Amino acid sequence: MEKELKKKLKNYSNIFREAQEKGKREADVVMYLVEFFKDVLGYNVFTEISKEYQIKEKYCDIAIKLKGQAELLVEAKQPSMRLADRHIEQAEMYAVKSGTKWVLLTNGCDWKLFHISFDEVEGIERALAFKTDLLKSFEEKPNDVVDKLKLLHKRNLQKGELERYWKKKIRLIPSSFSKALFSEDVLKAIRKEVNRGAEVKVGIEDIFKALTNMLDKEILADMAKIKRIKKKKKKKTTVKKVKPTGSQKS
């Protein structure tokens, strides 16, 4: 499977590179992605790939369905556009409303897969499952690109490979460590250890600041994103999960 997949990815790498160089539009990318999911990832274009997938009154660029249920929502951007987190905000709301866990943000060249979760108390949380690209990364580390994109293959999605990948990764992502590290119990345990035998005691706030200074900026940014998303969610009314109609826009 990997050998054939790599060959097909090479072909689409050239297609998306050319699309970027020629300044193709978002609509063109959607068309290419439909073919990509059919040719490379094994989905049936008639029953498992829906363009402009309707979720209540809104539409998502592409939905990948298995047994009639949307398993992956795809937000497409034009090849020349640099992918940004704000591009995923609308799609993540679609995911919550449709009960879908996975949202893919791509311009054909760059690929970012997000896991979306929703809780009445915690609000919406998104976490990056993986990111890769079909240009530089594919040239330098093609096997790494294959390993990531094959998780989206129909066969692997059906077998639960993506879910297994996520359950393992979730234990290792920065937000998981930061949540554990900054929990009250852990901060108290660190304070107790630091203060052992010390003449001048430090408080939990001191421990918090010290840990913050030690952490990588990327981890702190990840924590800030989670807090912002939760704060936004609390201001809104509760989002109810509804089953998508699955109809297409004419």
Protein backbone atom coordinates (compact mmCIF):
# COMPACT_ATOMS: atom_id res chain seq x y z
CA MET A 1 0.00 0.00 0.00
CA GLU A 2 2.79 2.44 0.96
CA LYS A 3 4.65 2.03 -2.33
CA GLU A 4 1.54 2.68 -4.43
CA LEU A 5 0.50 5.54 -2.18
CA LYS A 6 3.90 7.21 -2.49
CA LYS A 7 3.68 6.99 -6.28
CA LYS A 8 0.26 8.63 -6.31
CA LEU A 9 1.33 11.31 -3.85
CA LYS A 10 4.24 12.17 -6.12
CA ASN A 11 1.81 12.74 -8.97
CA TYR A 12 -0.42 15.01 -6.88
CA SER A 13 2.60 16.82 -5.50
CA ASN A 14 3.29 17.98 -9.04
CA ILE A 15 -0.37 18.86 -9.60
CA PHE A 16 -0.64 21.02 -6.48
CA ARG A 17 2.76 22.62 -7.10
CA GLU A 18 1.61 23.66 -10.55
CA ALA A 19 -1.68 24.92 -9.10
CA GLN A 20 0.27 27.08 -6.68
CA GLU A 21 2.55 28.45 -9.39
CA LYS A 22 -0.40 29.27 -11.66
CA GLY A 23 -2.40 30.92 -8.87
CA LYS A 24 -5.35 28.55 -9.04
CA ARG A 25 -8.51 29.43 -7.14
CA GLU A 26 -10.08 27.74 -4.13
CA ALA A 27 -12.74 26.20 -6.36
CA ASP A 28 -9.98 24.52 -8.38
CA VAL A 29 -8.44 23.10 -5.22
CA VAL A 30 -11.79 21.62 -4.18
CA MET A 31 -12.01 19.89 -7.55
CA TYR A 32 -8.46 18.53 -7.21
CA LEU A 33 -9.14 17.36 -3.66
CA VAL A 34 -12.19 15.40 -4.74
CA GLU A 35 -10.00 13.56 -7.24
CA PHE A 36 -7.31 13.13 -4.58
CA PHE A 37 -9.68 11.49 -2.12
CA LYS A 38 -10.94 9.23 -4.90
CA ASP A 39 -7.65 8.28 -6.57
CA VAL A 40 -5.26 8.31 -3.63
CA LEU A 41 -7.36 7.62 -0.54
CA GLY A 42 -9.86 5.19 -2.00
CA TYR A 43 -13.24 6.88 -1.47
CA ASN A 44 -16.25 6.47 -3.73
CA VAL A 45 -16.84 9.79 -5.45
CA PHE A 46 -20.60 9.19 -5.68
CA THR A 47 -21.42 8.01 -2.16
CA GLU A 48 -18.53 8.98 0.10
CA ILE A 49 -17.34 12.39 -1.13
CA SER A 50 -19.73 15.34 -0.89
CA LYS A 51 -18.93 18.85 -2.09
CA GLU A 52 -20.59 21.81 -0.35
CA TYR A 53 -21.91 19.51 2.35
CA GLN A 54 -24.89 21.03 4.13
CA ILE A 55 -24.89 21.28 7.92
CA LYS A 56 -28.04 23.08 9.01
CA GLU A 57 -27.96 26.39 7.08
CA LYS A 58 -24.21 26.30 6.37
CA TYR A 59 -22.02 24.49 3.85
CA CYS A 60 -18.63 22.83 4.25
CA ASP A 61 -16.30 22.53 1.22
CA ILE A 62 -16.03 18.73 1.32
CA ALA A 63 -17.29 15.98 3.61
CA ILE A 64 -15.92 12.45 3.62
CA LYS A 65 -18.63 9.98 4.60
CA LEU A 66 -18.70 6.34 5.61
CA LYS A 67 -22.05 4.56 5.80
CA GLY A 68 -23.77 7.91 5.26
CA GLN A 69 -22.12 9.56 8.28
CA ALA A 70 -19.65 12.42 7.86
CA GLU A 71 -16.32 11.28 9.33
CA LEU A 72 -14.09 14.08 8.05
CA LEU A 73 -14.84 17.69 7.08
CA VAL A 74 -12.46 19.42 4.67
CA GLU A 75 -11.88 23.17 4.56
CA ALA A 76 -10.09 24.09 1.33
CA LYS A 77 -8.05 27.21 0.58
CA GLN A 78 -6.33 28.42 -2.57
CA PRO A 79 -2.78 27.06 -3.06
CA SER A 80 -1.07 30.43 -2.59
CA MET A 81 -2.75 31.08 0.77
CA ARG A 82 -0.81 30.36 3.93
CA LEU A 83 -2.92 28.27 6.29
CA ALA A 84 -3.85 29.99 9.55
CA ASP A 85 -5.71 28.85 12.65
CA ARG A 86 -8.53 31.31 11.95
CA HIS A 87 -9.33 29.35 8.81
CA ILE A 88 -10.44 26.42 10.92
CA GLU A 89 -12.86 28.30 13.20
CA GLN A 90 -15.84 28.03 10.89
CA ALA A 91 -15.16 24.38 10.09
CA GLU A 92 -14.86 23.48 13.76
CA MET A 93 -18.33 24.87 14.37
CA TYR A 94 -19.53 22.71 11.48
CA ALA A 95 -17.87 19.73 13.17
CA VAL A 96 -19.61 20.39 16.49
CA LYS A 97 -23.00 20.75 14.84
CA SER A 98 -22.58 17.57 12.82
CA GLY A 99 -20.92 15.52 15.56
CA THR A 100 -17.76 15.06 13.47
CA LYS A 101 -14.39 14.66 15.22
CA TRP A 102 -12.04 15.45 12.36
CA VAL A 103 -11.46 18.61 10.32
CA LEU A 104 -8.84 18.85 7.59
CA LEU A 105 -7.50 22.25 6.55
CA THR A 106 -5.59 22.18 3.28
CA ASN A 107 -4.65 24.21 0.23
CA GLY A 108 -3.47 21.07 -1.54
CA CYS A 109 0.16 21.79 -0.75
CA ASP A 110 -0.05 22.07 3.04
CA TRP A 111 -2.18 19.73 5.15
CA LYS A 112 -3.34 20.16 8.75
CA LEU A 113 -5.61 17.64 10.44
CA PHE A 114 -7.41 18.73 13.61
CA HIS A 115 -9.28 16.74 16.22
CA ILE A 116 -12.37 18.59 17.45
CA SER A 117 -14.12 17.90 20.74
CA PHE A 118 -17.02 19.59 22.49
CA ASP A 119 -18.12 19.60 26.11
CA GLU A 120 -20.94 21.58 27.73
CA VAL A 121 -18.52 22.83 30.39
CA GLU A 122 -15.19 22.94 28.57
CA GLY A 123 -16.60 24.25 25.27
CA ILE A 124 -14.90 23.58 21.94
CA GLU A 125 -11.35 22.28 21.93
CA ARG A 126 -9.24 21.64 18.87
CA ALA A 127 -5.87 19.97 18.72
CA LEU A 128 -3.51 19.46 15.82
CA ALA A 129 -3.34 15.75 14.97
CA PHE A 130 -0.69 16.22 12.30
CA LYS A 131 0.63 18.63 9.72
CA THR A 132 2.58 17.92 6.57
CA ASP A 133 3.02 19.17 3.03
CA LEU A 134 3.28 17.69 -0.44
CA LEU A 135 6.10 19.97 -1.53
CA LYS A 136 9.20 20.39 0.65
CA SER A 137 8.39 17.66 3.18
CA PHE A 138 7.54 15.16 0.46
CA GLU A 139 10.87 15.83 -1.23
CA GLU A 140 12.90 15.55 1.98
CA LYS A 141 10.95 12.94 3.99
CA PRO A 142 8.45 11.21 1.68
CA ASN A 143 7.90 8.29 4.05
CA ASP A 144 6.84 10.65 6.83
CA VAL A 145 4.27 12.25 4.53
CA VAL A 146 2.99 8.83 3.48
CA ASP A 147 2.67 7.70 7.11
CA LYS A 148 0.52 10.71 7.94
CA LEU A 149 -1.72 10.90 4.88
CA LYS A 150 -2.35 7.15 4.81
CA LEU A 151 -4.23 7.61 8.08
CA LEU A 152 -6.91 9.32 5.98
CA HIS A 153 -7.21 6.37 3.60
CA LYS A 154 -10.65 4.80 3.59
CA ARG A 155 -9.31 1.41 4.62
CA ASN A 156 -7.46 2.83 7.61
CA LEU A 157 -10.35 5.04 8.66
CA GLN A 158 -12.64 2.00 8.63
CA LYS A 159 -10.14 -0.03 10.66
CA GLY A 160 -9.87 2.70 13.29
CA GLU A 161 -6.21 3.46 12.58
CA LEU A 162 -6.73 7.22 12.80
CA GLU A 163 -8.49 6.87 16.15
CA ARG A 164 -5.66 4.69 17.51
CA TYR A 165 -3.09 7.17 16.25
CA TRP A 166 -4.92 9.96 18.03
CA LYS A 167 -5.31 8.14 21.36
CA LYS A 168 -1.56 7.63 21.43
CA LYS A 169 -0.70 11.15 20.31
CA ILE A 170 -3.11 12.87 22.71
CA ARG A 171 -0.98 11.71 25.61
CA LEU A 172 2.06 13.41 24.14
CA ILE A 173 0.79 16.73 22.77
CA PRO A 174 1.78 19.96 24.60
CA SER A 175 -1.74 20.74 25.81
CA SER A 176 -1.96 17.39 27.61
CA PHE A 177 1.31 18.04 29.42
CA SER A 178 0.40 21.63 30.22
CA LYS A 179 -2.98 20.66 31.66
CA ALA A 180 -1.35 18.05 33.88
CA LEU A 181 1.60 20.24 34.81
CA PHE A 182 -0.52 23.22 35.85
CA SER A 183 -3.14 21.24 37.75
CA GLU A 184 -3.51 22.20 41.40
CA ASP A 185 -2.35 18.81 42.69
CA VAL A 186 0.85 18.89 40.64
CA LEU A 187 1.63 22.49 41.61
CA LYS A 188 1.15 21.61 45.28
CA ALA A 189 3.41 18.56 44.93
CA ILE A 190 6.13 20.66 43.28
CA ARG A 191 5.79 23.35 45.96
CA LYS A 192 6.15 20.74 48.69
CA GLU A 193 9.30 19.32 47.08
CA VAL A 194 10.85 22.73 46.39
CA ASN A 195 10.14 23.94 49.93
CA ARG A 196 11.58 20.82 51.55
CA GLY A 197 14.24 22.00 54.01
CA ALA A 198 14.14 25.59 52.67
CA GLU A 199 14.26 28.57 55.03
CA VAL A 200 12.27 30.78 52.67
CA LYS A 201 9.13 29.16 51.33
CA VAL A 202 7.65 29.74 47.88
CA GLY A 203 3.97 29.72 47.01
CA ILE A 204 1.96 28.10 44.24
CA GLU A 205 1.96 31.38 42.29
CA ASP A 206 5.76 31.40 42.39
CA ILE A 207 5.85 27.83 41.12
CA PHE A 208 3.39 28.72 38.36
CA LYS A 209 5.51 31.65 37.15
CA ALA A 210 8.72 29.62 37.27
CA LEU A 211 7.20 26.81 35.20
CA THR A 212 5.79 29.32 32.73
CA ASN A 213 9.26 30.77 32.18
CA MET A 214 10.65 27.30 31.55
CA LEU A 215 8.09 26.24 28.98
CA ASP A 216 8.47 26.56 25.24
CA LYS A 217 6.56 29.45 23.65
CA GLU A 218 4.68 27.00 21.45
CA ILE A 219 3.28 25.21 24.50
CA LEU A 220 2.23 28.49 26.10
CA ALA A 221 0.56 29.57 22.86
CA ASP A 222 -1.28 26.25 22.77
CA MET A 223 -2.53 26.83 26.32
CA ALA A 224 -3.67 30.34 25.43
CA LYS A 225 -5.63 29.05 22.44
CA ILE A 226 -7.49 26.55 24.59
CA LYS A 227 -8.39 29.28 27.09
CA ARG A 228 -9.58 31.64 24.35
CA ILE A 229 -11.76 28.99 22.74
CA LYS A 230 -13.36 28.11 26.09
CA LYS A 231 -13.96 31.78 26.89
CA LYS A 232 -15.64 32.39 23.54
CA LYS A 233 -17.79 29.34 23.99
CA LYS A 234 -19.12 30.43 27.36
CA LYS A 235 -20.50 33.63 25.84
CA LYS A 236 -22.59 31.73 23.33
CA THR A 237 -25.66 29.62 23.80
CA THR A 238 -25.19 25.89 23.98
CA VAL A 239 -24.50 24.30 20.63
CA LYS A 240 -26.61 21.22 20.10
CA LYS A 241 -25.32 18.40 17.97
CA VAL A 242 -27.63 17.71 15.08
CA LYS A 243 -27.46 15.09 12.42
CA PRO A 244 -26.44 16.65 9.08
CA THR A 245 -28.86 16.41 6.21
CA GLY A 246 -26.05 15.34 3.89
CA SER A 247 -27.67 17.20 1.01
CA GLN A 248 -25.64 19.09 -1.56
CA LYS A 249 -26.04 22.66 -2.66
CA SER A 250 -27.32 22.91 -6.18
